Amino acid sequence: MHSQHPTQCRVKLRLFLSLLLISPPVLANTEYFCFDAKNNKTLLLNAHYSKKTQLMYFPYMQPIQLKFKQTEAIEMAEGRPFEFHDFFDEIVQGKVTGHYEIVHQGAIFYGITYTHKKTQKITEFTKIYDLDTAHIASLKTKGIECL
């Protein structure tokens, strides 16, 4: 049995670690609630929704820093489940640059509204459904599974 010299092992280990560090990040969770705006922007909401949720624009896949502000519960019809509006601030370099409103009823998400703080421009995102098969297919080729 041939054994390697310790220097060869260290070189291989360094090579492996350097390749690991320069490799593109692998997304641990590829399931998202997917939303689209009329301006062709696609917004992804982490499938494990909470007050510490994560939003990302596709294809950039960089998490948007959010700070939870409040929830408003709206009774849409007597005796029916409440609709929730969760409000988050978008934080860039420590400053609030915009606001997100996420509308859902339990685990059913309807839409997301983004308001740019400075310009007050509003962008409406609506949930992507299976009817939009071309869009969903383009997301799937990148490993994104829309719920």
N, C-alpha and C. Protein backbone atom coordinates (compact mmCIF):
# COMPACT_ATOMS: atom_id res chain seq x y z
N MET A 1 0.84 -1.17 0.00
CA MET A 1 0.00 0.00 0.00
C MET A 1 0.88 1.23 0.00
N HIS A 2 0.58 2.15 -0.88
CA HIS A 2 1.36 3.37 -1.04
C HIS A 2 0.78 4.48 -0.17
N SER A 3 1.58 5.10 0.65
CA SER A 3 1.08 6.20 1.47
C SER A 3 1.65 7.52 0.94
N GLN A 4 0.87 8.57 1.08
CA GLN A 4 1.28 9.87 0.58
C GLN A 4 2.12 10.60 1.61
N HIS A 5 3.00 11.40 1.11
CA HIS A 5 3.84 12.24 1.95
C HIS A 5 2.95 13.30 2.61
N PRO A 6 3.19 13.67 3.87
CA PRO A 6 2.35 14.67 4.56
C PRO A 6 2.23 15.99 3.79
N THR A 7 3.26 16.40 3.08
CA THR A 7 3.20 17.64 2.31
C THR A 7 2.18 17.52 1.19
N GLN A 8 2.11 16.37 0.54
CA GLN A 8 1.13 16.16 -0.53
C GLN A 8 -0.30 16.22 0.04
N CYS A 9 -0.49 15.68 1.21
CA CYS A 9 -1.82 15.72 1.84
C CYS A 9 -2.23 17.15 2.14
N ARG A 10 -1.29 17.96 2.65
CA ARG A 10 -1.59 19.36 2.96
C ARG A 10 -1.92 20.15 1.70
N VAL A 11 -1.19 19.89 0.62
CA VAL A 11 -1.45 20.58 -0.65
C VAL A 11 -2.84 20.23 -1.16
N LYS A 12 -3.21 18.95 -1.10
CA LYS A 12 -4.53 18.53 -1.55
C LYS A 12 -5.62 19.13 -0.68
N LEU A 13 -5.39 19.19 0.62
CA LEU A 13 -6.36 19.78 1.53
C LEU A 13 -6.54 21.27 1.24
N ARG A 14 -5.43 21.99 1.02
CA ARG A 14 -5.52 23.42 0.68
C ARG A 14 -6.26 23.64 -0.63
N LEU A 15 -5.99 22.79 -1.61
CA LEU A 15 -6.67 22.90 -2.90
C LEU A 15 -8.17 22.68 -2.72
N PHE A 16 -8.53 21.66 -1.97
CA PHE A 16 -9.94 21.37 -1.72
C PHE A 16 -10.62 22.55 -1.02
N LEU A 17 -10.00 23.08 0.02
CA LEU A 17 -10.58 24.20 0.76
C LEU A 17 -10.70 25.46 -0.09
N SER A 18 -9.70 25.72 -0.93
CA SER A 18 -9.78 26.91 -1.78
C SER A 18 -10.88 26.77 -2.82
N LEU A 19 -11.07 25.56 -3.37
CA LEU A 19 -12.16 25.34 -4.32
C LEU A 19 -13.50 25.49 -3.62
N LEU A 20 -13.58 25.02 -2.41
CA LEU A 20 -14.82 25.14 -1.64
C LEU A 20 -15.17 26.61 -1.40
N LEU A 21 -14.16 27.42 -1.11
CA LEU A 21 -14.38 28.84 -0.83
C LEU A 21 -14.76 29.64 -2.06
N ILE A 22 -14.26 29.28 -3.24
CA ILE A 22 -14.56 30.06 -4.44
C ILE A 22 -15.75 29.53 -5.20
N SER A 23 -16.27 28.38 -4.80
CA SER A 23 -17.45 27.83 -5.47
C SER A 23 -18.65 28.71 -5.20
N PRO A 24 -19.58 28.81 -6.18
CA PRO A 24 -20.78 29.61 -5.93
C PRO A 24 -21.59 29.00 -4.79
N PRO A 25 -22.28 29.84 -4.02
CA PRO A 25 -23.04 29.31 -2.89
C PRO A 25 -24.17 28.41 -3.37
N VAL A 26 -24.38 27.34 -2.65
CA VAL A 26 -25.47 26.43 -2.95
C VAL A 26 -26.62 26.81 -2.04
N LEU A 27 -27.79 27.01 -2.62
CA LEU A 27 -28.94 27.38 -1.82
C LEU A 27 -29.47 26.17 -1.08
N ALA A 28 -29.49 26.26 0.24
CA ALA A 28 -29.93 25.14 1.05
C ALA A 28 -31.42 24.88 0.86
N ASN A 29 -32.17 25.93 0.66
CA ASN A 29 -33.62 25.79 0.51
C ASN A 29 -34.00 26.32 -0.86
N THR A 30 -34.55 25.47 -1.71
CA THR A 30 -34.91 25.91 -3.05
C THR A 30 -36.41 26.08 -3.22
N GLU A 31 -37.18 25.93 -2.15
CA GLU A 31 -38.62 26.13 -2.22
C GLU A 31 -38.97 27.54 -1.76
N TYR A 32 -39.72 28.23 -2.62
CA TYR A 32 -40.10 29.61 -2.34
C TYR A 32 -41.54 29.84 -2.75
N PHE A 33 -42.14 30.86 -2.15
CA PHE A 33 -43.37 31.42 -2.68
C PHE A 33 -42.89 32.44 -3.70
N CYS A 34 -43.35 32.32 -4.93
CA CYS A 34 -42.84 33.15 -6.02
C CYS A 34 -43.86 34.21 -6.42
N PHE A 35 -43.37 35.43 -6.61
CA PHE A 35 -44.22 36.58 -6.95
C PHE A 35 -43.60 37.31 -8.14
N ASP A 36 -44.48 37.91 -8.95
CA ASP A 36 -44.03 38.60 -10.14
C ASP A 36 -44.70 39.97 -10.22
N ALA A 37 -43.97 40.95 -10.74
CA ALA A 37 -44.52 42.29 -10.94
C ALA A 37 -44.65 42.54 -12.44
N LYS A 38 -45.43 43.53 -12.80
CA LYS A 38 -45.63 43.86 -14.21
C LYS A 38 -44.34 44.29 -14.90
N ASN A 39 -43.37 44.76 -14.12
CA ASN A 39 -42.10 45.20 -14.70
C ASN A 39 -41.11 44.03 -14.84
N ASN A 40 -41.64 42.81 -14.80
CA ASN A 40 -40.86 41.58 -14.98
C ASN A 40 -39.88 41.29 -13.85
N LYS A 41 -40.06 41.92 -12.70
CA LYS A 41 -39.24 41.59 -11.54
C LYS A 41 -39.88 40.40 -10.85
N THR A 42 -39.05 39.47 -10.40
CA THR A 42 -39.53 38.30 -9.68
C THR A 42 -38.98 38.35 -8.26
N LEU A 43 -39.87 38.19 -7.30
CA LEU A 43 -39.52 38.23 -5.89
C LEU A 43 -39.80 36.88 -5.28
N LEU A 44 -38.85 36.36 -4.51
CA LEU A 44 -38.98 35.05 -3.88
C LEU A 44 -39.08 35.23 -2.37
N LEU A 45 -40.05 34.55 -1.78
CA LEU A 45 -40.28 34.59 -0.34
C LEU A 45 -39.93 33.22 0.22
N ASN A 46 -39.06 33.19 1.21
CA ASN A 46 -38.65 31.93 1.83
C ASN A 46 -39.86 31.10 2.22
N ALA A 47 -39.82 29.83 1.90
CA ALA A 47 -40.95 28.93 2.18
C ALA A 47 -41.21 28.75 3.67
N HIS A 48 -40.20 29.00 4.49
CA HIS A 48 -40.35 28.88 5.94
C HIS A 48 -40.63 30.27 6.51
N TYR A 49 -41.82 30.75 6.26
CA TYR A 49 -42.19 32.12 6.59
C TYR A 49 -42.28 32.33 8.09
N SER A 50 -41.73 33.46 8.53
CA SER A 50 -41.82 33.89 9.92
C SER A 50 -41.58 35.40 9.94
N LYS A 51 -41.55 35.98 11.10
CA LYS A 51 -41.28 37.41 11.22
C LYS A 51 -39.82 37.72 10.89
N LYS A 52 -39.01 36.68 10.76
CA LYS A 52 -37.60 36.84 10.36
C LYS A 52 -37.41 36.28 8.96
N THR A 53 -38.42 36.47 8.12
CA THR A 53 -38.42 35.88 6.78
C THR A 53 -37.35 36.49 5.89
N GLN A 54 -37.21 35.88 4.74
CA GLN A 54 -36.20 36.33 3.79
C GLN A 54 -36.83 36.51 2.41
N LEU A 55 -36.55 37.65 1.80
CA LEU A 55 -36.96 37.94 0.43
C LEU A 55 -35.72 38.05 -0.43
N MET A 56 -35.85 37.65 -1.70
CA MET A 56 -34.75 37.78 -2.65
C MET A 56 -35.33 38.05 -4.03
N TYR A 57 -34.64 38.88 -4.80
CA TYR A 57 -35.02 39.08 -6.19
C TYR A 57 -34.32 38.04 -7.04
N PHE A 58 -35.07 37.44 -7.95
CA PHE A 58 -34.51 36.48 -8.89
C PHE A 58 -34.04 37.24 -10.12
N PRO A 59 -32.89 37.00 -10.67
CA PRO A 59 -31.96 35.89 -10.45
C PRO A 59 -30.82 36.23 -9.50
N TYR A 60 -30.85 37.38 -8.85
CA TYR A 60 -29.72 37.84 -8.03
C TYR A 60 -29.50 36.99 -6.79
N MET A 61 -30.59 36.54 -6.17
CA MET A 61 -30.56 35.63 -5.03
C MET A 61 -29.75 36.16 -3.85
N GLN A 62 -29.74 37.48 -3.68
CA GLN A 62 -29.10 38.08 -2.51
C GLN A 62 -30.19 38.43 -1.50
N PRO A 63 -30.10 37.91 -0.28
CA PRO A 63 -31.14 38.20 0.71
C PRO A 63 -31.28 39.70 0.97
N ILE A 64 -32.51 40.15 1.08
CA ILE A 64 -32.82 41.53 1.41
C ILE A 64 -32.93 41.61 2.93
N GLN A 65 -32.21 42.54 3.53
CA GLN A 65 -32.28 42.68 4.98
C GLN A 65 -33.61 43.33 5.34
N LEU A 66 -34.39 42.63 6.16
CA LEU A 66 -35.71 43.10 6.57
C LEU A 66 -35.78 43.24 8.08
N LYS A 67 -36.58 44.21 8.51
CA LYS A 67 -36.86 44.37 9.94
C LYS A 67 -38.37 44.38 10.10
N PHE A 68 -38.88 43.42 10.86
CA PHE A 68 -40.33 43.32 11.07
C PHE A 68 -40.82 44.53 11.84
N LYS A 69 -41.95 45.11 11.37
CA LYS A 69 -42.54 46.27 12.03
C LYS A 69 -43.83 45.92 12.78
N GLN A 70 -44.81 45.36 12.05
CA GLN A 70 -46.10 45.07 12.68
C GLN A 70 -46.93 44.17 11.79
N THR A 71 -48.00 43.63 12.40
CA THR A 71 -48.98 42.83 11.68
C THR A 71 -50.36 43.44 11.91
N GLU A 72 -51.14 43.52 10.84
CA GLU A 72 -52.54 43.92 10.95
C GLU A 72 -53.38 42.73 10.55
N ALA A 73 -54.35 42.37 11.38
CA ALA A 73 -55.27 41.27 11.09
C ALA A 73 -56.60 41.87 10.65
N ILE A 74 -57.09 41.42 9.51
CA ILE A 74 -58.33 41.95 8.95
C ILE A 74 -59.33 40.82 8.81
N GLU A 75 -60.51 41.02 9.41
CA GLU A 75 -61.58 40.03 9.29
C GLU A 75 -62.30 40.29 7.98
N MET A 76 -62.12 39.40 7.01
CA MET A 76 -62.70 39.58 5.68
C MET A 76 -64.19 39.22 5.67
N ALA A 77 -64.56 38.21 6.44
CA ALA A 77 -65.96 37.79 6.56
C ALA A 77 -66.13 37.17 7.94
N GLU A 78 -67.25 37.41 8.56
CA GLU A 78 -67.49 36.90 9.90
C GLU A 78 -67.38 35.38 9.93
N GLY A 79 -66.61 34.89 10.90
CA GLY A 79 -66.45 33.46 11.07
C GLY A 79 -65.40 32.83 10.16
N ARG A 80 -64.79 33.62 9.28
CA ARG A 80 -63.76 33.12 8.38
C ARG A 80 -62.38 33.48 8.93
N PRO A 81 -61.33 32.79 8.49
CA PRO A 81 -59.99 33.13 8.97
C PRO A 81 -59.60 34.57 8.60
N PHE A 82 -58.81 35.17 9.45
CA PHE A 82 -58.36 36.53 9.23
C PHE A 82 -57.34 36.57 8.09
N GLU A 83 -57.28 37.72 7.42
CA GLU A 83 -56.22 37.99 6.45
C GLU A 83 -55.19 38.83 7.19
N PHE A 84 -53.92 38.50 7.02
CA PHE A 84 -52.85 39.20 7.73
C PHE A 84 -52.03 40.04 6.76
N HIS A 85 -51.69 41.24 7.22
CA HIS A 85 -50.81 42.14 6.48
C HIS A 85 -49.58 42.35 7.38
N ASP A 86 -48.46 41.79 6.97
CA ASP A 86 -47.22 41.92 7.74
C ASP A 86 -46.37 43.01 7.09
N PHE A 87 -45.85 43.92 7.91
CA PHE A 87 -45.08 45.06 7.41
C PHE A 87 -43.63 44.93 7.84
N PHE A 88 -42.73 45.13 6.87
CA PHE A 88 -41.30 45.04 7.10
C PHE A 88 -40.63 46.27 6.52
N ASP A 89 -39.56 46.74 7.18
CA ASP A 89 -38.69 47.77 6.61
C ASP A 89 -37.56 47.08 5.87
N GLU A 90 -37.19 47.64 4.72
CA GLU A 90 -36.01 47.18 3.99
C GLU A 90 -34.83 48.00 4.50
N ILE A 91 -33.76 47.32 4.89
CA ILE A 91 -32.59 47.99 5.45
C ILE A 91 -31.40 47.80 4.51
N VAL A 92 -30.79 48.93 4.09
CA VAL A 92 -29.58 48.89 3.27
C VAL A 92 -28.55 49.79 3.94
N GLN A 93 -27.42 49.23 4.25
CA GLN A 93 -26.34 49.95 4.94
C GLN A 93 -26.84 50.68 6.18
N GLY A 94 -27.68 49.98 6.94
CA GLY A 94 -28.17 50.50 8.21
C GLY A 94 -29.31 51.51 8.12
N LYS A 95 -29.77 51.81 6.89
CA LYS A 95 -30.83 52.80 6.72
C LYS A 95 -32.07 52.17 6.09
N VAL A 96 -33.24 52.67 6.47
CA VAL A 96 -34.49 52.20 5.87
C VAL A 96 -34.59 52.80 4.47
N THR A 97 -34.71 51.92 3.46
CA THR A 97 -34.78 52.39 2.07
C THR A 97 -36.13 52.07 1.42
N GLY A 98 -36.94 51.28 2.09
CA GLY A 98 -38.24 50.93 1.53
C GLY A 98 -39.03 50.10 2.51
N HIS A 99 -40.24 49.75 2.09
CA HIS A 99 -41.15 49.00 2.95
C HIS A 99 -41.82 47.88 2.15
N TYR A 100 -41.94 46.72 2.76
CA TYR A 100 -42.65 45.59 2.17
C TYR A 100 -43.89 45.29 2.99
N GLU A 101 -44.98 45.00 2.31
CA GLU A 101 -46.20 44.54 2.94
C GLU A 101 -46.51 43.17 2.34
N ILE A 102 -46.58 42.16 3.18
CA ILE A 102 -46.85 40.79 2.74
C ILE A 102 -48.26 40.42 3.19
N VAL A 103 -49.11 40.04 2.24
CA VAL A 103 -50.50 39.72 2.52
C VAL A 103 -50.68 38.21 2.43
N HIS A 104 -51.22 37.65 3.53
CA HIS A 104 -51.43 36.20 3.56
C HIS A 104 -52.59 35.85 4.47
N GLN A 105 -53.05 34.64 4.30
CA GLN A 105 -54.08 34.07 5.16
C GLN A 105 -53.56 32.70 5.55
N GLY A 106 -52.95 32.62 6.73
CA GLY A 106 -52.26 31.39 7.11
C GLY A 106 -51.08 31.17 6.18
N ALA A 107 -51.02 29.99 5.57
CA ALA A 107 -49.92 29.65 4.67
C ALA A 107 -50.24 29.97 3.21
N ILE A 108 -51.33 30.68 2.97
CA ILE A 108 -51.69 31.08 1.61
C ILE A 108 -51.28 32.54 1.43
N PHE A 109 -50.36 32.76 0.50
CA PHE A 109 -49.84 34.11 0.26
C PHE A 109 -50.47 34.67 -1.00
N TYR A 110 -50.92 35.93 -0.92
CA TYR A 110 -51.61 36.55 -2.03
C TYR A 110 -50.75 37.55 -2.80
N GLY A 111 -49.99 38.34 -2.08
CA GLY A 111 -49.21 39.35 -2.76
C GLY A 111 -48.26 40.07 -1.84
N ILE A 112 -47.36 40.82 -2.46
CA ILE A 112 -46.38 41.62 -1.73
C ILE A 112 -46.35 42.99 -2.40
N THR A 113 -46.38 44.03 -1.58
CA THR A 113 -46.27 45.39 -2.09
C THR A 113 -44.97 45.99 -1.57
N TYR A 114 -44.19 46.58 -2.49
CA TYR A 114 -42.96 47.27 -2.11
C TYR A 114 -43.16 48.76 -2.36
N THR A 115 -42.81 49.57 -1.37
CA THR A 115 -42.84 51.03 -1.52
C THR A 115 -41.44 51.57 -1.28
N HIS A 116 -40.90 52.24 -2.29
CA HIS A 116 -39.58 52.85 -2.18
C HIS A 116 -39.71 54.08 -1.27
N LYS A 117 -38.86 54.17 -0.27
CA LYS A 117 -39.01 55.24 0.73
C LYS A 117 -38.85 56.63 0.13
N LYS A 118 -37.84 56.83 -0.69
CA LYS A 118 -37.54 58.16 -1.20
C LYS A 118 -38.54 58.61 -2.28
N THR A 119 -38.82 57.74 -3.25
CA THR A 119 -39.67 58.13 -4.38
C THR A 119 -41.15 57.83 -4.15
N GLN A 120 -41.46 57.00 -3.16
CA GLN A 120 -42.82 56.53 -2.88
C GLN A 120 -43.39 55.70 -4.03
N LYS A 121 -42.52 55.25 -4.95
CA LYS A 121 -42.97 54.38 -6.04
C LYS A 121 -43.40 53.05 -5.45
N ILE A 122 -44.56 52.57 -5.90
CA ILE A 122 -45.12 51.31 -5.40
C ILE A 122 -45.00 50.23 -6.47
N THR A 123 -44.51 49.07 -6.07
CA THR A 123 -44.43 47.92 -6.96
C THR A 123 -45.28 46.81 -6.36
N GLU A 124 -46.26 46.35 -7.12
CA GLU A 124 -47.17 45.27 -6.69
C GLU A 124 -46.67 43.94 -7.25
N PHE A 125 -46.48 42.98 -6.37
CA PHE A 125 -46.10 41.63 -6.76
C PHE A 125 -47.28 40.70 -6.51
N THR A 126 -47.62 39.90 -7.49
CA THR A 126 -48.70 38.93 -7.33
C THR A 126 -48.12 37.52 -7.40
N LYS A 127 -48.78 36.63 -6.72
CA LYS A 127 -48.30 35.24 -6.65
C LYS A 127 -48.30 34.61 -8.04
N ILE A 128 -47.23 33.89 -8.34
CA ILE A 128 -47.14 33.16 -9.60
C ILE A 128 -47.81 31.81 -9.40
N TYR A 129 -48.75 31.52 -10.25
CA TYR A 129 -49.46 30.24 -10.18
C TYR A 129 -49.04 29.36 -11.34
N ASP A 130 -49.42 28.09 -11.28
CA ASP A 130 -49.04 27.13 -12.31
C ASP A 130 -49.48 27.52 -13.71
N LEU A 131 -50.45 28.43 -13.82
CA LEU A 131 -50.91 28.85 -15.14
C LEU A 131 -49.81 29.56 -15.91
N ASP A 132 -48.88 30.14 -15.21
CA ASP A 132 -47.76 30.84 -15.84
C ASP A 132 -46.61 29.87 -16.04
N THR A 133 -46.83 28.85 -16.84
CA THR A 133 -45.87 27.75 -16.94
C THR A 133 -44.52 28.16 -17.52
N ALA A 134 -44.49 29.13 -18.43
CA ALA A 134 -43.21 29.56 -19.01
C ALA A 134 -42.33 30.18 -17.94
N HIS A 135 -42.94 31.02 -17.11
CA HIS A 135 -42.17 31.67 -16.04
C HIS A 135 -41.69 30.64 -15.01
N ILE A 136 -42.58 29.75 -14.62
CA ILE A 136 -42.21 28.72 -13.65
C ILE A 136 -41.11 27.82 -14.22
N ALA A 137 -41.17 27.52 -15.50
CA ALA A 137 -40.14 26.69 -16.13
C ALA A 137 -38.78 27.38 -16.07
N SER A 138 -38.75 28.70 -16.29
CA SER A 138 -37.46 29.42 -16.23
C SER A 138 -36.90 29.41 -14.81
N LEU A 139 -37.77 29.46 -13.80
CA LEU A 139 -37.30 29.38 -12.41
C LEU A 139 -36.78 27.98 -12.10
N LYS A 140 -37.49 26.96 -12.58
CA LYS A 140 -37.09 25.58 -12.32
C LYS A 140 -35.71 25.26 -12.91
N THR A 141 -35.38 25.87 -14.07
CA THR A 141 -34.07 25.60 -14.65
C THR A 141 -32.95 26.13 -13.76
N LYS A 142 -33.28 27.05 -12.88
CA LYS A 142 -32.29 27.61 -11.93
C LYS A 142 -32.41 26.94 -10.55
N GLY A 143 -33.23 25.88 -10.44
CA GLY A 143 -33.34 25.15 -9.19
C GLY A 143 -34.35 25.73 -8.21
N ILE A 144 -35.21 26.63 -8.67
CA ILE A 144 -36.22 27.26 -7.80
C ILE A 144 -37.54 26.52 -7.96
N GLU A 145 -38.09 26.06 -6.86
CA GLU A 145 -39.38 25.39 -6.85
C GLU A 145 -40.40 26.34 -6.24
N CYS A 146 -41.40 26.75 -7.04
CA CYS A 146 -42.44 27.67 -6.57
C CYS A 146 -43.55 26.90 -5.88
N LEU A 147 -43.92 27.33 -4.71
CA LEU A 147 -45.02 26.71 -3.97
C LEU A 147 -46.33 27.40 -4.28
